[in-house]
């Protein structure tokens, strides 16, 4: 079965990190290790001959030589060309792709697109209906609060006062 994704996609999915992130981390780690190793070498050489300027000069030259030799670009190119390289005809299938049918025809894709469009329209209609119901619910709640407020006001007034204020006929 042919691969439907590039080497970097496969590596990123399988390793759970991008190859470039791995290379950056590897380079920074190696630089840190070399720095500590060089500091140890420098301490050792200086302990053998504490005030020898010749040792300092040669250590500086050695450090410059190491820095010029260890290039990030060279390491990156080496890793991409050898470590992360995979032959194009190499069939690799990750476990979570094992039972998937990745051979879709144009007609099948069109059918899926139509089904997705119909599902989207159904969801949008439900969302609009839900939005209308929420607005109606908020309106009804505000009306209910107004009615409850009026009910409380009416409950505190005597019945004779209510009929006089509202120009209604008094029953008493």
Protein backbone atom coordinates (compact mmCIF):
# COMPACT_ATOMS: atom_id res chain seq x y z
CA UNK A 1 0.00 0.00 0.00
CA UNK A 2 1.51 3.37 -0.96
CA UNK A 3 2.03 6.10 1.62
CA UNK A 4 -0.30 9.07 1.34
CA UNK A 5 1.87 11.39 3.44
CA UNK A 6 5.39 12.74 3.32
CA UNK A 7 8.36 11.57 5.38
CA UNK A 8 8.09 14.54 7.74
CA UNK A 9 4.36 13.98 8.30
CA UNK A 10 4.97 10.32 9.05
CA UNK A 11 7.88 11.06 11.38
CA UNK A 12 5.99 13.82 13.18
CA UNK A 13 3.00 11.56 13.69
CA UNK A 14 5.04 8.54 14.74
CA UNK A 15 7.57 10.35 16.95
CA UNK A 16 5.04 12.92 18.23
CA UNK A 17 7.43 15.77 17.44
CA UNK A 18 8.66 17.56 14.36
CA UNK A 19 12.02 16.42 12.98
CA UNK A 20 13.25 20.04 13.06
CA UNK A 21 12.40 20.27 16.78
CA UNK A 22 14.34 17.07 17.37
CA UNK A 23 17.35 18.43 15.46
CA UNK A 24 17.24 21.72 17.37
CA UNK A 25 17.08 19.90 20.68
CA UNK A 26 19.88 17.53 19.67
CA UNK A 27 22.13 20.39 18.54
CA UNK A 28 21.53 22.45 21.69
CA UNK A 29 22.14 19.40 23.90
CA UNK A 30 25.38 18.55 22.08
CA UNK A 31 26.53 22.17 22.34
CA UNK A 32 25.87 22.14 26.08
CA UNK A 33 27.76 18.85 26.54
CA UNK A 34 30.71 20.11 24.47
CA UNK A 35 30.80 23.36 26.43
CA UNK A 36 30.94 21.47 29.73
CA UNK A 37 33.56 19.08 28.35
CA UNK A 38 35.68 21.99 27.12
CA UNK A 39 35.43 23.74 30.50
CA UNK A 40 36.57 20.49 32.17
CA UNK A 41 39.48 20.16 29.71
CA UNK A 42 40.43 23.77 30.35
CA UNK A 43 40.43 23.26 34.15
CA UNK A 44 42.49 20.09 33.78
CA UNK A 45 45.09 21.71 31.49
CA UNK A 46 45.35 24.77 33.72
CA UNK A 47 45.85 22.55 36.77
CA UNK A 48 48.84 20.91 35.06
CA UNK A 49 50.51 24.24 34.25
CA UNK A 50 48.70 27.07 36.07
CA UNK A 51 50.31 30.11 34.42
CA UNK A 52 51.22 28.79 30.97
CA UNK A 53 49.99 31.22 28.28
CA UNK A 54 50.82 28.67 25.60
CA UNK A 55 48.13 26.32 26.97
CA UNK A 56 45.56 29.14 26.96
CA UNK A 57 46.43 30.02 23.35
CA UNK A 58 46.12 26.41 22.19
CA UNK A 59 42.85 25.91 24.08
CA UNK A 60 41.39 29.01 22.40
CA UNK A 61 42.49 27.70 18.99
CA UNK A 62 41.04 24.27 19.81
CA UNK A 63 37.70 25.87 20.84
CA UNK A 64 37.55 27.88 17.60
CA UNK A 65 38.31 24.74 15.59
CA UNK A 66 35.51 22.81 17.31
CA UNK A 67 33.01 25.64 16.76
CA UNK A 68 33.87 25.90 13.06
CA UNK A 69 33.66 22.12 12.61
CA UNK A 70 30.33 21.60 14.38
CA UNK A 71 27.92 23.44 12.13
CA UNK A 72 24.19 23.29 12.69
CA UNK A 73 23.54 23.26 8.95
CA UNK A 74 25.85 20.30 8.43
CA UNK A 75 24.20 18.36 11.27
CA UNK A 76 20.73 19.19 9.96
CA UNK A 77 21.60 18.12 6.42
CA UNK A 78 23.17 14.90 7.67
CA UNK A 79 20.12 14.00 9.75
CA UNK A 80 17.67 14.78 6.95
CA UNK A 81 19.71 12.87 4.38
CA UNK A 82 20.51 9.79 6.43
CA UNK A 83 18.63 9.43 9.72
CA UNK A 84 15.23 10.80 8.67
CA UNK A 85 15.39 9.63 5.07
CA UNK A 86 13.03 6.85 3.99
CA UNK A 87 12.76 5.25 0.58
CA UNK A 88 9.60 6.38 -1.21
CA UNK A 89 8.51 2.80 -1.90
CA UNK A 90 8.82 1.75 1.76
CA UNK A 91 5.34 0.84 2.92
CA UNK A 92 4.86 1.96 6.51
CA UNK A 93 1.50 1.87 8.17
CA UNK A 94 0.98 3.22 11.68
CA UNK A 95 -1.23 1.21 14.02
CA UNK A 96 -4.08 3.71 14.06
CA UNK A 97 -4.26 3.56 10.24
CA UNK A 98 -4.37 -0.23 10.10
CA UNK A 99 -8.11 -0.70 9.36
CA UNK A 100 -8.71 2.53 7.44
CA UNK A 101 -9.54 2.52 3.76
CA UNK A 102 -7.47 5.37 2.35
CA UNK A 103 -8.39 4.67 -1.27
CA UNK A 104 -11.19 7.17 -1.90
CA UNK A 105 -12.65 7.82 -5.31
CA UNK A 106 -13.82 11.23 -6.48
CA UNK A 107 -17.46 10.06 -6.33
CA UNK A 108 -17.02 8.84 -2.75
CA UNK A 109 -15.49 12.18 -1.76
CA UNK A 110 -18.43 14.01 -3.37
CA UNK A 111 -20.87 11.80 -1.43
CA UNK A 112 -19.04 12.54 1.82
CA UNK A 113 -19.01 16.27 1.01
CA UNK A 114 -22.78 16.22 0.39
CA UNK A 115 -23.37 14.34 3.65
CA UNK A 116 -21.20 16.80 5.53
CA UNK A 117 -23.03 19.74 3.95
CA UNK A 118 -26.41 18.26 4.91
CA UNK A 119 -25.19 17.64 8.46
CA UNK A 120 -23.84 21.20 8.65
CA UNK A 121 -27.17 22.62 7.47
CA UNK A 122 -28.98 20.52 10.07
CA UNK A 123 -26.67 21.71 12.82
CA UNK A 124 -27.03 25.33 11.70
CA UNK A 125 -30.84 25.00 11.74
CA UNK A 126 -30.70 23.53 15.25
CA UNK A 127 -28.36 26.28 16.37
CA UNK A 128 -30.71 28.95 14.97
CA UNK A 129 -33.71 27.30 16.65
CA UNK A 130 -31.78 27.06 19.92
CA UNK A 131 -30.82 30.73 19.64
CA UNK A 132 -34.47 31.73 19.06
CA UNK A 133 -35.58 29.63 22.05
CA UNK A 134 -32.93 31.23 24.27
CA UNK A 135 -34.04 34.72 23.23
CA UNK A 136 -37.70 33.81 23.82
CA UNK A 137 -36.79 32.29 27.19
CA UNK A 138 -34.94 35.47 28.22
CA UNK A 139 -37.90 37.62 27.10
CA UNK A 140 -40.38 35.43 29.02
CA UNK A 141 -38.16 35.56 32.13
CA UNK A 142 -38.06 39.36 32.01
CA UNK A 143 -41.85 39.49 31.62
CA UNK A 144 -42.26 37.03 34.49
CA UNK A 145 -40.06 39.19 36.70
CA UNK A 146 -42.14 42.27 35.84
CA UNK A 147 -45.35 40.39 36.63
CA UNK A 148 -43.93 39.12 39.93
CA UNK A 149 -42.93 42.67 40.84
CA UNK A 150 -46.42 43.97 40.03
CA UNK A 151 -47.98 41.11 41.98
CA UNK A 152 -45.92 42.01 45.05
CA UNK A 153 -46.92 45.67 44.71
CA UNK A 154 -50.58 44.74 44.40
CA UNK A 155 -50.41 42.41 47.37
CA UNK A 156 -49.41 45.28 49.68
CA UNK A 157 -52.24 47.66 48.63
CA UNK A 158 -55.73 47.45 50.10
CA UNK A 159 -58.41 46.49 47.58
CA UNK A 160 -60.32 49.81 47.97
CA UNK A 161 -57.17 51.79 47.08
CA UNK A 162 -56.51 49.70 43.99
CA UNK A 163 -59.97 50.37 42.56
CA UNK A 164 -59.81 54.10 43.32
CA UNK A 165 -56.34 54.52 41.71
CA UNK A 166 -57.24 52.62 38.58
CA UNK A 167 -60.64 54.40 38.05
CA UNK A 168 -62.54 51.19 38.53
CA UNK A 169 -65.88 50.79 40.27
CA UNK A 170 -65.52 50.02 43.91
CA UNK A 171 -67.14 46.78 45.07
CA UNK A 172 -67.28 47.78 48.74
